[in-house]
């Protein structure tokens, strides 16, 4: 089973990229993006990726979107 996962990614101004959280819907990711955008230390984006199998939000720290 494949599902779509939306990951909130921070591109730090000091360098590097970090996964902030994972969401099952684009709407949830966009809501979190609005809140995260208040932090000026990074630029934030919502990225989509396919996930094979099941996942839980506690597993989100292991996800990272590749460009």
Protein backbone atom coordinates (compact mmCIF):
# COMPACT_ATOMS: atom_id res chain seq x y z
CA UNK A 1 0.00 0.00 0.00
CA UNK A 2 1.33 3.43 -0.95
CA UNK A 3 0.17 6.68 0.53
CA UNK A 4 1.12 10.32 0.11
CA UNK A 5 2.85 12.03 2.99
CA UNK A 6 3.42 15.77 3.35
CA UNK A 7 6.56 16.84 5.15
CA UNK A 8 7.24 20.26 6.61
CA UNK A 9 10.89 20.99 5.81
CA UNK A 10 13.03 23.80 7.25
CA UNK A 11 15.89 25.17 5.17
CA UNK A 12 18.03 26.78 7.83
CA UNK A 13 19.69 30.11 7.05
CA UNK A 14 22.81 28.85 8.85
CA UNK A 15 22.92 25.97 6.37
CA UNK A 16 21.33 22.57 6.19
CA UNK A 17 17.86 21.13 5.91
CA UNK A 18 15.74 19.62 8.65
CA UNK A 19 12.47 17.70 8.73
CA UNK A 20 10.09 19.42 11.13
CA UNK A 21 7.01 17.18 10.97
CA UNK A 22 4.99 14.88 8.71
CA UNK A 23 1.27 15.19 7.94
CA UNK A 24 -1.26 12.98 6.17
CA UNK A 25 -2.85 15.90 4.31
CA UNK A 26 -1.62 18.97 2.46
CA UNK A 27 -4.06 21.17 4.40
CA UNK A 28 -2.51 20.15 7.73
CA UNK A 29 0.97 20.82 6.38
CA UNK A 30 -0.05 24.25 5.10
CA UNK A 31 -1.58 25.14 8.48
CA UNK A 32 1.67 24.18 10.20
CA UNK A 33 3.60 26.11 7.54
CA UNK A 34 1.75 29.32 8.42
CA UNK A 35 2.75 28.97 12.08
CA UNK A 36 6.33 27.92 11.31
CA UNK A 37 6.84 30.83 8.91
CA UNK A 38 6.83 33.18 11.91
CA UNK A 39 10.32 31.82 12.74
CA UNK A 40 12.71 33.90 10.64
CA UNK A 41 15.72 31.60 11.24
CA UNK A 42 14.63 29.33 8.39
CA UNK A 43 12.57 29.08 5.22
CA UNK A 44 9.83 26.46 5.37
CA UNK A 45 8.16 24.39 2.64
CA UNK A 46 5.71 21.51 2.43
CA UNK A 47 7.08 18.65 0.34
CA UNK A 48 5.18 15.56 -0.80
CA UNK A 49 6.56 12.03 -0.91
CA UNK A 50 5.15 8.56 -1.47
CA UNK A 51 5.35 6.16 1.45
CA UNK A 52 5.08 2.42 1.04
CA UNK A 53 3.28 0.69 3.89
CA UNK A 54 1.93 2.29 7.01
CA UNK A 55 3.47 5.08 9.06
CA UNK A 56 2.74 6.97 12.24
CA UNK A 57 3.51 10.56 13.18
CA UNK A 58 6.12 9.40 15.69
CA UNK A 59 8.05 8.01 12.69
CA UNK A 60 8.19 11.45 11.04
CA UNK A 61 11.67 12.16 12.40
CA UNK A 62 13.00 9.50 10.00
CA UNK A 63 11.48 11.05 6.86
CA UNK A 64 13.33 13.45 4.62
CA UNK A 65 12.35 14.63 1.17
CA UNK A 66 14.99 14.47 -1.53
CA UNK A 67 14.91 17.00 -4.32
